Amino acid sequence: MVLPFGLTVSEFYLIFQDLTPLIDYYGMEKKCPVGKHKPKHAHRACKVSGKKRNGYELRGRIWVEGRDGTFLGYGRVVLLERIKQYGSISEAARSMEMSYRAAWELVESMNKQANTPLVETVTGGKGGGGAQLTEAGERAIEAFWELYEKFGEFLKKEVREFRF
């Protein structure tokens, strides 16, 4: 089975950790209060958690591992959304208080691991360069948010059943 973003099921691992709020890369915790993202995802805060039960809360992080490490995660998907919004890697990076180099390296990593590039770039010139998401990039964003929501539902279910 091939996933929408080009990886086979055997090529990725879902990694659950119940340690900290969902922070993927470059200090997303301070940049992700509700309402800071595009309206479509404004309801998503940086953590995925189940409601408290008997004083306990289940928390987790989720990302998709590819051939060379992290392929998609919360921060990477927000970067893709910002690239779509601004049409520029540098503007997307600036909006996340990230260096252009770090953003470029993340984009390169995602493009390298995907069967089809998620972001296409145009070199600068008289009118300047730019970047845009490919159809694969759009599918990757959608697939990740679906996975993210399912993970949240999983934690809500598990916290109801949590006993020790």
Protein backbone atom coordinates (compact mmCIF):
# COMPACT_ATOMS: atom_id res chain seq x y z
CA MET A 1 0.00 0.00 0.00
CA VAL A 2 1.33 3.46 -0.91
CA LEU A 3 0.33 6.43 1.21
CA PRO A 4 -0.86 9.67 -0.43
CA PHE A 5 2.51 11.36 0.12
CA GLY A 6 4.46 8.62 -1.65
CA LEU A 7 5.77 6.39 1.15
CA THR A 8 4.86 2.77 1.56
CA VAL A 9 3.49 1.56 4.86
CA SER A 10 6.76 -0.24 5.57
CA GLU A 11 8.67 3.05 5.14
CA PHE A 12 7.10 4.97 7.95
CA TYR A 13 6.63 4.57 11.65
CA LEU A 14 4.11 6.30 13.82
CA ILE A 15 5.91 7.38 16.93
CA PHE A 16 3.97 8.06 20.09
CA GLN A 17 5.58 9.72 23.08
CA ASP A 18 3.73 10.83 26.17
CA LEU A 19 6.35 13.32 27.27
CA THR A 20 5.68 16.87 26.16
CA PRO A 21 3.22 18.97 24.20
CA LEU A 22 3.44 18.46 20.47
CA ILE A 23 6.48 20.44 19.42
CA ASP A 24 8.01 19.39 16.16
CA TYR A 25 10.79 21.76 15.27
CA TYR A 26 12.20 25.18 16.03
CA GLY A 27 10.22 26.19 19.09
CA MET A 28 6.75 25.65 17.69
CA GLU A 29 5.36 25.72 21.24
CA LYS A 30 5.78 29.49 21.54
CA LYS A 31 4.47 30.08 18.01
CA CYS A 32 1.33 27.95 18.12
CA PRO A 33 -1.24 29.38 20.47
CA VAL A 34 -4.73 28.81 19.12
CA GLY A 35 -5.44 31.28 16.35
CA LYS A 36 -1.87 31.74 15.08
CA HIS A 37 -2.30 29.32 12.18
CA LYS A 38 -4.33 29.68 9.05
CA PRO A 39 -8.06 29.66 9.85
CA LYS A 40 -8.51 26.06 8.68
CA HIS A 41 -6.25 24.82 11.46
CA ALA A 42 -6.75 27.53 14.08
CA HIS A 43 -8.43 25.09 16.47
CA ARG A 44 -5.31 22.94 16.72
CA ALA A 45 -3.00 23.83 19.55
CA CYS A 46 0.50 22.40 19.76
CA LYS A 47 -0.37 19.46 21.90
CA VAL A 48 -2.47 16.43 21.33
CA SER A 49 -3.98 15.14 24.52
CA GLY A 50 -6.86 13.25 25.98
CA LYS A 51 -9.05 14.86 28.66
CA LYS A 52 -7.95 14.46 32.26
CA ARG A 53 -9.29 11.48 34.14
CA ASN A 54 -8.55 10.94 37.82
CA GLY A 55 -5.91 13.66 37.58
CA TYR A 56 -4.12 12.10 34.61
CA GLU A 57 -3.84 13.27 31.06
CA LEU A 58 -2.41 11.37 28.11
CA ARG A 59 -0.22 13.46 25.84
CA GLY A 60 1.61 12.55 22.73
CA ARG A 61 3.56 13.60 19.70
CA ILE A 62 3.16 12.12 16.30
CA TRP A 63 5.24 12.38 13.18
CA VAL A 64 5.98 10.28 10.12
CA GLU A 65 9.42 8.77 9.75
CA GLY A 66 10.78 8.32 6.26
CA ARG A 67 13.89 6.74 4.82
CA ASP A 68 16.15 9.48 6.18
CA GLY A 69 14.48 10.40 9.47
CA THR A 70 11.54 12.71 10.05
CA PHE A 71 9.45 13.16 6.94
CA LEU A 72 6.37 14.98 8.22
CA GLY A 73 5.52 16.44 11.60
CA TYR A 74 3.52 19.32 13.03
CA GLY A 75 6.17 21.99 12.40
CA ARG A 76 7.01 20.73 8.92
CA VAL A 77 3.35 20.74 7.93
CA VAL A 78 2.92 24.27 9.29
CA LEU A 79 5.95 25.26 7.19
CA LEU A 80 4.30 23.75 4.10
CA GLU A 81 1.10 25.67 4.85
CA ARG A 82 3.06 28.90 5.26
CA ILE A 83 4.87 28.31 1.96
CA LYS A 84 1.48 27.91 0.33
CA GLN A 85 0.23 31.07 2.05
CA TYR A 86 3.23 33.29 1.24
CA GLY A 87 4.56 31.71 -1.97
CA SER A 88 8.05 31.94 -0.56
CA ILE A 89 10.28 29.81 1.64
CA SER A 90 11.95 32.88 3.12
CA GLU A 91 8.62 34.53 4.02
CA ALA A 92 7.34 31.25 5.47
CA ALA A 93 10.52 30.93 7.55
CA ARG A 94 10.30 34.54 8.72
CA SER A 95 6.69 34.03 9.82
CA MET A 96 7.85 31.12 11.99
CA GLU A 97 10.94 32.95 13.30
CA MET A 98 13.11 30.35 11.59
CA SER A 99 16.20 30.94 9.49
CA TYR A 100 15.88 30.59 5.74
CA ARG A 101 18.58 27.92 5.81
CA ALA A 102 16.67 25.80 8.36
CA ALA A 103 13.46 26.11 6.33
CA TRP A 104 15.29 25.26 3.10
CA GLU A 105 16.87 22.18 4.73
CA LEU A 106 13.43 20.99 5.93
CA VAL A 107 11.96 21.47 2.46
CA GLU A 108 14.91 19.63 0.89
CA SER A 109 14.53 16.79 3.38
CA MET A 110 10.81 16.42 2.64
CA ASN A 111 11.34 16.65 -1.13
CA LYS A 112 14.16 14.10 -1.01
CA GLN A 113 12.10 11.58 0.98
CA ALA A 114 8.89 11.93 -1.05
CA ASN A 115 8.47 10.11 -4.34
CA THR A 116 7.30 13.43 -5.83
CA PRO A 117 8.54 16.83 -4.53
CA LEU A 118 6.18 18.59 -2.12
CA VAL A 119 7.53 22.08 -2.91
CA GLU A 120 8.73 23.51 -6.23
CA THR A 121 10.98 26.55 -6.28
CA VAL A 122 11.72 29.20 -8.87
CA THR A 123 15.11 30.90 -8.76
CA GLY A 124 15.27 34.61 -8.12
CA GLY A 125 15.71 37.16 -10.82
CA LYS A 126 14.22 40.51 -11.72
CA GLY A 127 10.89 39.69 -10.06
CA GLY A 128 12.44 37.50 -7.36
CA GLY A 129 12.04 33.79 -6.83
CA GLY A 130 9.27 31.91 -5.18
CA ALA A 131 7.97 28.56 -4.05
CA GLN A 132 4.71 26.71 -4.39
CA LEU A 133 3.26 23.47 -3.15
CA THR A 134 2.79 20.66 -5.58
CA GLU A 135 -0.28 18.44 -5.62
CA ALA A 136 1.76 15.97 -3.54
CA GLY A 137 2.45 18.75 -1.02
CA GLU A 138 -1.27 19.47 -0.72
CA ARG A 139 -1.98 15.75 -0.20
CA ALA A 140 0.78 15.49 2.41
CA ILE A 141 -0.74 18.34 4.43
CA GLU A 142 -4.21 16.81 4.27
CA ALA A 143 -2.95 13.31 5.12
CA PHE A 144 -0.98 14.59 8.11
CA TRP A 145 -3.91 16.55 9.57
CA GLU A 146 -6.14 13.49 9.18
CA LEU A 147 -3.55 11.40 11.00
CA TYR A 148 -3.17 14.10 13.66
CA GLU A 149 -6.92 14.15 14.31
CA LYS A 150 -7.07 10.35 14.51
CA PHE A 151 -4.21 10.43 17.01
CA GLY A 152 -6.11 12.95 19.13
CA GLU A 153 -9.17 10.68 19.06
CA PHE A 154 -6.96 7.73 20.03
CA LEU A 155 -5.67 9.61 23.09
CA LYS A 156 -9.19 10.65 24.11
CA LYS A 157 -10.33 7.03 23.92
CA GLU A 158 -7.30 5.71 25.79
CA VAL A 159 -7.55 8.20 28.64
CA ARG A 160 -11.09 6.95 29.33
CA GLU A 161 -9.73 3.41 29.61
CA PHE A 162 -6.51 4.30 31.45
CA ARG A 163 -6.13 2.39 34.72
CA PHE A 164 -3.23 1.19 36.81
